[in-house]
Amino acid sequence: MGDEFDPANLKIETAPDFVTPNHEESENDSVVSIEDHKRNRKTKARKTIPPKPRNGTLVRPFTQFYVSIGALISPFDPVCGAAIINQSEECAKALENLAQSDPRVRAILMSLVETSAWGYVIAAHTPILLAIAVHHVPRVRESFEVMSGNAEVIPNDET
């Protein structure tokens, strides 16, 4: 372990001037021609673009999404929470209009709406988590008391 590195002890070998290529390599090796790459890229299955949604299809779920976000923010910042809730339907309509005109945006928004089962699970548990945080996390409780303007709103149990 006490050997020190000494560059003078390095052996330097030179590479041969010419390396004979192996023409008998299998075709399944990692070398892919540009033509093969282009051909594979063109034949890959593309994601299907969902059809244009009917008017109002996306407005309701995204309005609910914005209202939920506003409700989550309101205890910490009532002004911003109210602004989000008040603009929720307009924002949802704007997203739907964008989905009507752009197929990529449509695919993203439709996937968000279709995978909303997790959203429902999260939304159902959020009030529980917020109540626990307000009750047991002093910093959250203090900010809630300041915003409500009344320190007596939340009993300060030390249990």
Protein backbone atom coordinates (compact mmCIF):
# COMPACT_ATOMS: atom_id res chain seq x y z
CA MET A 1 0.00 0.00 0.00
CA GLY A 2 2.98 2.30 0.48
CA ASP A 3 3.95 2.24 -3.22
CA GLU A 4 4.02 5.72 -4.65
CA PHE A 5 3.10 6.41 -8.24
CA ASP A 6 6.16 6.92 -10.41
CA PRO A 7 5.52 7.94 -14.02
CA ALA A 8 9.01 6.76 -14.96
CA ASN A 9 7.88 3.16 -14.42
CA LEU A 10 5.07 3.39 -17.00
CA LYS A 11 5.43 1.28 -20.10
CA ILE A 12 4.24 3.00 -23.24
CA GLU A 13 3.26 0.75 -26.08
CA THR A 14 2.48 2.10 -29.48
CA ALA A 15 -0.53 0.95 -31.40
CA PRO A 16 0.06 -0.80 -34.70
CA ASP A 17 -0.09 1.44 -37.75
CA PHE A 18 -2.84 -0.56 -39.38
CA VAL A 19 -5.61 -2.66 -37.86
CA THR A 20 -7.08 -5.26 -40.16
CA PRO A 21 -10.87 -4.98 -40.13
CA ASN A 22 -12.90 -8.09 -39.44
CA HIS A 23 -15.30 -8.45 -42.37
CA GLU A 24 -16.86 -11.54 -40.90
CA GLU A 25 -18.64 -9.74 -38.06
CA SER A 26 -22.30 -10.59 -37.73
CA GLU A 27 -24.90 -8.19 -39.00
CA ASN A 28 -26.44 -7.98 -35.53
CA ASP A 29 -23.50 -6.06 -34.07
CA SER A 30 -23.99 -2.58 -32.70
CA VAL A 31 -22.95 -0.87 -35.94
CA VAL A 32 -26.04 0.62 -37.59
CA SER A 33 -25.94 2.44 -40.86
CA ILE A 34 -27.53 5.83 -41.26
CA GLU A 35 -30.01 4.33 -43.72
CA ASP A 36 -31.05 1.67 -41.19
CA HIS A 37 -31.51 4.34 -38.54
CA LYS A 38 -33.71 6.46 -40.82
CA ARG A 39 -35.76 3.44 -41.87
CA ASN A 40 -36.34 2.38 -38.25
CA ARG A 41 -37.26 5.90 -37.23
CA LYS A 42 -39.90 6.13 -39.95
CA THR A 43 -41.45 2.75 -39.17
CA LYS A 44 -41.73 3.21 -35.42
CA ALA A 45 -45.29 3.33 -34.24
CA ARG A 46 -46.30 6.86 -33.46
CA LYS A 47 -48.54 7.67 -30.54
CA THR A 48 -52.09 8.07 -31.60
CA ILE A 49 -53.47 11.57 -31.35
CA PRO A 50 -56.85 11.59 -29.65
CA PRO A 51 -59.71 13.13 -31.62
CA LYS A 52 -60.71 16.70 -30.92
CA PRO A 53 -62.74 16.84 -27.72
CA ARG A 54 -66.34 17.97 -27.88
CA ASN A 55 -66.91 21.47 -26.57
CA GLY A 56 -66.91 21.43 -22.79
CA THR A 57 -65.29 18.01 -22.40
CA LEU A 58 -62.13 19.39 -20.83
CA VAL A 59 -63.62 22.46 -19.17
CA ARG A 60 -65.17 20.67 -16.20
CA PRO A 61 -62.16 18.56 -15.13
CA PHE A 62 -59.71 21.43 -15.53
CA THR A 63 -62.02 23.85 -13.73
CA GLN A 64 -62.10 21.38 -10.85
CA PHE A 65 -58.31 21.12 -11.02
CA TYR A 66 -57.86 24.89 -10.76
CA VAL A 67 -60.42 25.15 -7.95
CA SER A 68 -58.55 22.41 -6.06
CA ILE A 69 -55.24 24.23 -6.48
CA GLY A 70 -56.85 27.47 -5.32
CA ALA A 71 -58.37 25.74 -2.31
CA LEU A 72 -54.97 24.28 -1.39
CA ILE A 73 -53.28 27.66 -1.61
CA SER A 74 -56.03 29.66 0.13
CA PRO A 75 -55.07 28.80 3.72
CA PHE A 76 -51.54 30.03 3.05
CA ASP A 77 -52.33 32.89 0.68
CA PRO A 78 -56.03 33.82 0.47
CA VAL A 79 -55.52 36.45 -2.25
CA CYS A 80 -53.73 34.11 -4.66
CA GLY A 81 -56.06 31.22 -3.82
CA ALA A 82 -59.12 33.36 -4.57
CA ALA A 83 -57.57 34.58 -7.84
CA ILE A 84 -56.98 31.01 -9.00
CA ILE A 85 -60.50 29.94 -8.04
CA ASN A 86 -62.07 33.00 -9.73
CA GLN A 87 -60.21 32.38 -13.00
CA SER A 88 -60.57 28.59 -12.96
CA GLU A 89 -63.27 28.34 -15.62
CA GLU A 90 -61.63 30.85 -17.96
CA CYS A 91 -58.30 29.02 -17.69
CA ALA A 92 -60.01 25.68 -18.36
CA LYS A 93 -61.75 27.11 -21.45
CA ALA A 94 -58.42 28.45 -22.72
CA LEU A 95 -56.82 25.02 -22.30
CA GLU A 96 -59.69 23.39 -24.18
CA ASN A 97 -59.35 25.90 -27.04
CA LEU A 98 -55.64 25.13 -27.22
CA ALA A 99 -56.39 21.39 -27.26
CA GLN A 100 -58.78 21.95 -30.17
CA SER A 101 -56.03 23.53 -32.27
CA ASP A 102 -52.86 21.65 -31.27
CA PRO A 103 -52.80 17.83 -31.44
CA ARG A 104 -49.75 17.51 -29.17
CA VAL A 105 -51.31 19.64 -26.45
CA ARG A 106 -54.54 17.68 -26.91
CA ALA A 107 -52.71 14.40 -26.30
CA ILE A 108 -51.12 15.75 -23.11
CA LEU A 109 -54.32 17.24 -21.73
CA MET A 110 -56.37 14.15 -22.55
CA SER A 111 -53.81 11.95 -20.81
CA LEU A 112 -54.07 14.17 -17.73
CA VAL A 113 -57.85 13.89 -17.73
CA GLU A 114 -57.84 10.13 -18.36
CA THR A 115 -55.35 9.39 -15.59
CA SER A 116 -57.25 11.39 -13.02
CA ALA A 117 -57.80 8.41 -10.70
CA TRP A 118 -54.58 9.39 -8.93
CA GLY A 119 -55.81 12.97 -8.89
CA TYR A 120 -58.94 11.88 -7.04
CA VAL A 121 -56.86 9.94 -4.52
CA ILE A 122 -54.61 12.95 -3.92
CA ALA A 123 -57.55 15.36 -3.73
CA ALA A 124 -59.34 13.12 -1.25
CA HIS A 125 -56.33 12.97 1.05
CA THR A 126 -55.27 16.61 0.82
CA PRO A 127 -57.74 17.96 3.43
CA ILE A 128 -56.57 15.30 5.87
CA LEU A 129 -52.93 16.21 5.31
CA LEU A 130 -53.69 19.93 5.60
CA ALA A 131 -55.56 19.41 8.89
CA ILE A 132 -52.67 17.38 10.29
CA ALA A 133 -50.15 19.99 9.16
CA VAL A 134 -52.13 22.87 10.69
CA HIS A 135 -52.59 20.97 13.92
CA HIS A 136 -49.10 19.50 14.37
CA VAL A 137 -46.61 21.65 12.44
CA PRO A 138 -46.03 24.94 14.30
CA ARG A 139 -44.86 26.86 11.24
CA VAL A 140 -47.99 25.93 9.26
CA ARG A 141 -50.20 26.72 12.27
CA GLU A 142 -48.56 30.14 12.70
CA SER A 143 -48.99 31.05 9.05
CA PHE A 144 -52.63 29.93 9.15
CA GLU A 145 -53.26 32.02 12.30
CA VAL A 146 -51.66 35.08 10.74
CA MET A 147 -53.73 34.75 7.58
CA SER A 148 -56.94 34.21 9.49
CA GLY A 149 -56.18 37.16 11.74
CA ASN A 150 -57.23 35.22 14.77
CA ALA A 151 -54.85 33.15 16.87
CA GLU A 152 -57.79 31.57 18.71
CA VAL A 153 -59.17 29.82 15.61
CA ILE A 154 -56.95 26.79 16.02
CA PRO A 155 -56.55 25.33 19.50
CA ASN A 156 -52.90 24.85 20.34
CA ASP A 157 -52.90 21.32 21.73
CA GLU A 158 -49.52 20.09 22.73
CA THR A 159 -50.70 16.49 22.63
